[in-house]
Structures are given as C-alpha cells and as structure tokens.
Amino acid sequence: MSAKRFGVLLALTGLCYKKVKFMDSMIFGLLIIGIVALFVLQLVMWIWMLVDCLQNEPSTGNDKVIWVLLMVFLGILGSLLYYFVRRPQRIEEFGH
C-alpha cells in the first residue's frame, strides 16, 4: 500500500473515530439527562405521597405514622405501595 493511500485511509478512519466519539458522548449525555429526569420524577412522587399521607390520612390509630415511616425508610418503594395499596382504600372509605 502506498504512503498516499495509507494517509487517506488513516484520515478516513480518524474521521469515523471522531464521529463515533461524538455519538458516544451524545448518547452518554442523553443517558445522564434520562437518569436525572427519572430521579426528579421519583423525588416528586415521594414528596407528593408523603404530603398526601400527612394531610389526608386520618389520625385515628397508627396508620398515618406507619405509612410515613414506610415512605421515609423505603423511599420510592414505600410511596408506590402507599399510592397503589392505601390511597385507593382511603379514598373509598373517607372520600378524600
């Protein structure tokens, strides 16, 4: 292979490498944005369920304390449990 052809080939592979490197950084950036968005959505869900429990859960018995402790210690899992298990029961029983 002549030196001229080798130089052209080297230039082309360098160009392709730069394109791939740019795409990798773009994909990495989108991945970071997605992770941050997911974290923010989880935080919003957690705060929403915590406030909902503190404001609307009846104070009779220990239900409110137990649900708040579950949400604090289990984080998003506790909030999802509250949203899908307790909240529909509370709305059915008390109307809010």
N, C-alpha and C. Protein backbone atom coordinates (compact mmCIF):
# COMPACT_ATOMS: atom_id res chain seq x y z
N MET A 1 0.86 -1.17 0.00
CA MET A 1 0.00 0.00 0.00
C MET A 1 0.90 1.24 0.00
N SER A 2 0.56 2.16 -0.83
CA SER A 2 1.40 3.36 -0.92
C SER A 2 1.14 4.27 0.28
N ALA A 3 2.09 5.15 0.50
CA ALA A 3 2.00 6.07 1.64
C ALA A 3 0.82 7.00 1.48
N LYS A 4 0.50 7.39 0.22
CA LYS A 4 -0.61 8.31 -0.03
C LYS A 4 -1.93 7.62 0.32
N ARG A 5 -2.11 6.40 -0.13
CA ARG A 5 -3.34 5.67 0.18
C ARG A 5 -3.45 5.42 1.70
N PHE A 6 -2.36 5.09 2.31
CA PHE A 6 -2.35 4.86 3.75
C PHE A 6 -2.75 6.14 4.50
N GLY A 7 -2.27 7.30 4.02
CA GLY A 7 -2.63 8.57 4.64
C GLY A 7 -4.11 8.87 4.50
N VAL A 8 -4.68 8.58 3.32
CA VAL A 8 -6.11 8.80 3.09
C VAL A 8 -6.91 7.86 3.98
N LEU A 9 -6.49 6.60 4.04
CA LEU A 9 -7.18 5.63 4.88
C LEU A 9 -7.10 6.03 6.35
N LEU A 10 -5.96 6.48 6.77
CA LEU A 10 -5.79 6.93 8.15
C LEU A 10 -6.67 8.14 8.44
N ALA A 11 -6.76 9.06 7.49
CA ALA A 11 -7.60 10.25 7.67
C ALA A 11 -9.07 9.85 7.76
N LEU A 12 -9.50 8.90 6.94
CA LEU A 12 -10.90 8.46 6.97
C LEU A 12 -11.24 7.75 8.27
N THR A 13 -10.36 6.89 8.73
CA THR A 13 -10.63 6.20 9.99
C THR A 13 -10.61 7.17 11.16
N GLY A 14 -9.77 8.17 11.11
CA GLY A 14 -9.76 9.18 12.15
C GLY A 14 -11.06 9.96 12.16
N LEU A 15 -11.61 10.25 10.98
CA LEU A 15 -12.87 10.96 10.87
C LEU A 15 -14.00 10.10 11.43
N CYS A 16 -13.99 8.82 11.10
CA CYS A 16 -15.01 7.91 11.62
C CYS A 16 -14.89 7.80 13.14
N TYR A 17 -13.67 7.75 13.63
CA TYR A 17 -13.47 7.66 15.07
C TYR A 17 -14.02 8.90 15.77
N LYS A 18 -13.82 10.07 15.17
CA LYS A 18 -14.34 11.29 15.77
C LYS A 18 -15.86 11.29 15.77
N LYS A 19 -16.48 10.77 14.68
CA LYS A 19 -17.94 10.69 14.63
C LYS A 19 -18.45 9.75 15.71
N VAL A 20 -17.84 8.60 15.85
CA VAL A 20 -18.26 7.64 16.87
C VAL A 20 -18.07 8.24 18.25
N LYS A 21 -16.96 8.91 18.47
CA LYS A 21 -16.70 9.52 19.77
C LYS A 21 -17.76 10.58 20.07
N PHE A 22 -18.15 11.37 19.07
CA PHE A 22 -19.19 12.38 19.26
C PHE A 22 -20.52 11.71 19.58
N MET A 23 -20.86 10.63 18.87
CA MET A 23 -22.12 9.94 19.11
C MET A 23 -22.12 9.30 20.50
N ASP A 24 -20.97 8.76 20.90
CA ASP A 24 -20.88 8.19 22.25
C ASP A 24 -21.11 9.26 23.30
N SER A 25 -20.53 10.42 23.12
CA SER A 25 -20.72 11.48 24.10
C SER A 25 -22.16 11.99 24.08
N MET A 26 -22.79 12.00 22.91
CA MET A 26 -24.18 12.42 22.82
C MET A 26 -25.09 11.41 23.51
N ILE A 27 -24.84 10.13 23.29
CA ILE A 27 -25.63 9.09 23.94
C ILE A 27 -25.41 9.14 25.45
N PHE A 28 -24.17 9.34 25.87
CA PHE A 28 -23.87 9.45 27.29
C PHE A 28 -24.60 10.65 27.90
N GLY A 29 -24.63 11.77 27.19
CA GLY A 29 -25.34 12.95 27.67
C GLY A 29 -26.83 12.69 27.81
N LEU A 30 -27.41 12.02 26.82
CA LEU A 30 -28.84 11.68 26.89
C LEU A 30 -29.11 10.71 28.04
N LEU A 31 -28.20 9.80 28.26
CA LEU A 31 -28.34 8.86 29.37
C LEU A 31 -28.32 9.60 30.71
N ILE A 32 -27.41 10.53 30.85
CA ILE A 32 -27.34 11.33 32.09
C ILE A 32 -28.62 12.15 32.27
N ILE A 33 -29.11 12.76 31.22
CA ILE A 33 -30.35 13.54 31.30
C ILE A 33 -31.51 12.63 31.70
N GLY A 34 -31.56 11.43 31.14
CA GLY A 34 -32.62 10.48 31.48
C GLY A 34 -32.55 10.05 32.93
N ILE A 35 -31.36 9.81 33.43
CA ILE A 35 -31.20 9.40 34.83
C ILE A 35 -31.61 10.53 35.76
N VAL A 36 -31.21 11.75 35.44
CA VAL A 36 -31.59 12.90 36.27
C VAL A 36 -33.11 13.10 36.24
N ALA A 37 -33.72 12.96 35.06
CA ALA A 37 -35.17 13.11 34.95
C ALA A 37 -35.89 12.05 35.77
N LEU A 38 -35.41 10.82 35.72
CA LEU A 38 -36.00 9.74 36.50
C LEU A 38 -35.87 10.01 37.99
N PHE A 39 -34.71 10.50 38.41
CA PHE A 39 -34.50 10.83 39.82
C PHE A 39 -35.46 11.94 40.26
N VAL A 40 -35.64 12.96 39.43
CA VAL A 40 -36.54 14.07 39.78
C VAL A 40 -37.98 13.57 39.86
N LEU A 41 -38.39 12.71 38.92
CA LEU A 41 -39.75 12.17 38.97
C LEU A 41 -39.98 11.33 40.23
N GLN A 42 -38.99 10.55 40.62
CA GLN A 42 -39.11 9.77 41.85
C GLN A 42 -39.20 10.67 43.07
N LEU A 43 -38.41 11.71 43.08
CA LEU A 43 -38.45 12.65 44.20
C LEU A 43 -39.80 13.35 44.29
N VAL A 44 -40.34 13.77 43.15
CA VAL A 44 -41.65 14.42 43.13
C VAL A 44 -42.73 13.46 43.61
N MET A 45 -42.68 12.21 43.15
CA MET A 45 -43.66 11.20 43.57
C MET A 45 -43.56 10.97 45.08
N TRP A 46 -42.35 10.87 45.60
CA TRP A 46 -42.14 10.63 47.02
C TRP A 46 -42.69 11.78 47.86
N ILE A 47 -42.38 13.01 47.46
CA ILE A 47 -42.87 14.18 48.21
C ILE A 47 -44.39 14.28 48.12
N TRP A 48 -44.95 14.03 46.94
CA TRP A 48 -46.40 14.10 46.74
C TRP A 48 -47.11 13.10 47.65
N MET A 49 -46.63 11.86 47.71
CA MET A 49 -47.28 10.83 48.53
C MET A 49 -47.09 11.12 50.02
N LEU A 50 -45.94 11.63 50.39
CA LEU A 50 -45.69 11.98 51.79
C LEU A 50 -46.64 13.09 52.24
N VAL A 51 -46.77 14.12 51.44
CA VAL A 51 -47.68 15.23 51.77
C VAL A 51 -49.12 14.75 51.77
N ASP A 52 -49.49 13.91 50.79
CA ASP A 52 -50.85 13.37 50.73
C ASP A 52 -51.17 12.57 51.99
N CYS A 53 -50.23 11.75 52.41
CA CYS A 53 -50.45 10.95 53.62
C CYS A 53 -50.57 11.83 54.85
N LEU A 54 -49.68 12.80 54.99
CA LEU A 54 -49.70 13.67 56.17
C LEU A 54 -50.96 14.53 56.24
N GLN A 55 -51.47 14.95 55.09
CA GLN A 55 -52.64 15.83 55.09
C GLN A 55 -53.96 15.05 55.14
N ASN A 56 -54.06 13.95 54.46
CA ASN A 56 -55.36 13.31 54.26
C ASN A 56 -55.58 12.02 55.04
N GLU A 57 -54.54 11.41 55.52
CA GLU A 57 -54.71 10.16 56.28
C GLU A 57 -55.31 10.49 57.64
N PRO A 58 -56.35 9.76 58.05
CA PRO A 58 -56.96 10.06 59.36
C PRO A 58 -55.98 9.80 60.51
N SER A 59 -56.11 10.57 61.56
CA SER A 59 -55.18 10.49 62.68
C SER A 59 -55.54 9.40 63.68
N THR A 60 -56.65 8.70 63.47
CA THR A 60 -57.03 7.64 64.39
C THR A 60 -56.13 6.42 64.18
N GLY A 61 -55.67 5.85 65.24
CA GLY A 61 -54.79 4.69 65.15
C GLY A 61 -53.38 5.09 64.75
N ASN A 62 -52.63 4.11 64.32
CA ASN A 62 -51.24 4.35 63.95
C ASN A 62 -51.00 4.30 62.45
N ASP A 63 -52.05 4.29 61.65
CA ASP A 63 -51.90 4.16 60.20
C ASP A 63 -51.01 5.25 59.61
N LYS A 64 -51.28 6.48 60.01
CA LYS A 64 -50.51 7.60 59.45
C LYS A 64 -49.03 7.46 59.78
N VAL A 65 -48.72 7.14 61.03
CA VAL A 65 -47.33 7.01 61.45
C VAL A 65 -46.64 5.87 60.70
N ILE A 66 -47.32 4.75 60.58
CA ILE A 66 -46.74 3.59 59.89
C ILE A 66 -46.47 3.91 58.42
N TRP A 67 -47.43 4.53 57.75
CA TRP A 67 -47.23 4.85 56.32
C TRP A 67 -46.11 5.87 56.13
N VAL A 68 -46.04 6.87 57.00
CA VAL A 68 -44.96 7.86 56.90
C VAL A 68 -43.61 7.19 57.12
N LEU A 69 -43.52 6.33 58.12
CA LEU A 69 -42.26 5.62 58.36
C LEU A 69 -41.88 4.72 57.18
N LEU A 70 -42.87 4.04 56.59
CA LEU A 70 -42.60 3.21 55.41
C LEU A 70 -42.06 4.06 54.26
N MET A 71 -42.67 5.22 54.05
CA MET A 71 -42.22 6.08 52.95
C MET A 71 -40.83 6.67 53.22
N VAL A 72 -40.56 6.98 54.46
CA VAL A 72 -39.25 7.55 54.79
C VAL A 72 -38.15 6.50 54.64
N PHE A 73 -38.39 5.30 55.13
CA PHE A 73 -37.34 4.28 55.12
C PHE A 73 -37.25 3.50 53.80
N LEU A 74 -38.37 3.35 53.08
CA LEU A 74 -38.35 2.61 51.82
C LEU A 74 -38.27 3.52 50.60
N GLY A 75 -38.40 4.82 50.80
CA GLY A 75 -38.27 5.76 49.69
C GLY A 75 -39.38 5.59 48.65
N ILE A 76 -38.97 5.48 47.41
CA ILE A 76 -39.94 5.42 46.31
C ILE A 76 -40.77 4.15 46.39
N LEU A 77 -40.21 3.06 46.89
CA LEU A 77 -40.97 1.82 47.03
C LEU A 77 -42.12 2.00 48.03
N GLY A 78 -41.85 2.67 49.14
CA GLY A 78 -42.90 2.96 50.12
C GLY A 78 -43.97 3.88 49.54
N SER A 79 -43.55 4.84 48.73
CA SER A 79 -44.51 5.76 48.11
C SER A 79 -45.39 5.02 47.10
N LEU A 80 -44.79 4.13 46.33
CA LEU A 80 -45.58 3.35 45.37
C LEU A 80 -46.56 2.41 46.09
N LEU A 81 -46.10 1.80 47.19
CA LEU A 81 -47.01 0.96 47.98
C LEU A 81 -48.18 1.78 48.50
N TYR A 82 -47.89 2.95 49.03
CA TYR A 82 -48.96 3.82 49.53
C TYR A 82 -49.91 4.20 48.40
N TYR A 83 -49.38 4.56 47.25
CA TYR A 83 -50.21 5.01 46.13
C TYR A 83 -51.13 3.90 45.63
N PHE A 84 -50.62 2.68 45.52
CA PHE A 84 -51.42 1.61 44.94
C PHE A 84 -52.20 0.79 45.96
N VAL A 85 -51.79 0.82 47.24
CA VAL A 85 -52.47 -0.01 48.24
C VAL A 85 -53.38 0.84 49.15
N ARG A 86 -52.80 1.79 49.84
CA ARG A 86 -53.56 2.52 50.87
C ARG A 86 -54.40 3.66 50.31
N ARG A 87 -53.89 4.41 49.38
CA ARG A 87 -54.60 5.59 48.88
C ARG A 87 -55.98 5.24 48.31
N PRO A 88 -56.11 4.21 47.46
CA PRO A 88 -57.44 3.86 46.97
C PRO A 88 -58.39 3.44 48.11
N GLN A 89 -57.87 2.73 49.11
CA GLN A 89 -58.71 2.35 50.26
C GLN A 89 -59.18 3.58 51.02
N ARG A 90 -58.28 4.52 51.24
CA ARG A 90 -58.62 5.74 51.97
C ARG A 90 -59.66 6.56 51.21
N ILE A 91 -59.49 6.67 49.91
CA ILE A 91 -60.43 7.45 49.12
C ILE A 91 -61.82 6.78 49.14
N GLU A 92 -61.83 5.44 49.09
CA GLU A 92 -63.10 4.72 49.14
C GLU A 92 -63.78 4.87 50.50
N GLU A 93 -63.00 4.81 51.58
CA GLU A 93 -63.56 4.88 52.93
C GLU A 93 -63.95 6.30 53.32
N PHE A 94 -63.08 7.26 53.06
CA PHE A 94 -63.29 8.62 53.58
C PHE A 94 -63.63 9.64 52.50
N GLY A 95 -63.47 9.31 51.25
CA GLY A 95 -63.85 10.21 50.18
C GLY A 95 -62.81 11.26 49.83
N HIS A 96 -61.64 11.22 50.39
CA HIS A 96 -60.59 12.18 50.03
C HIS A 96 -59.24 11.56 50.14
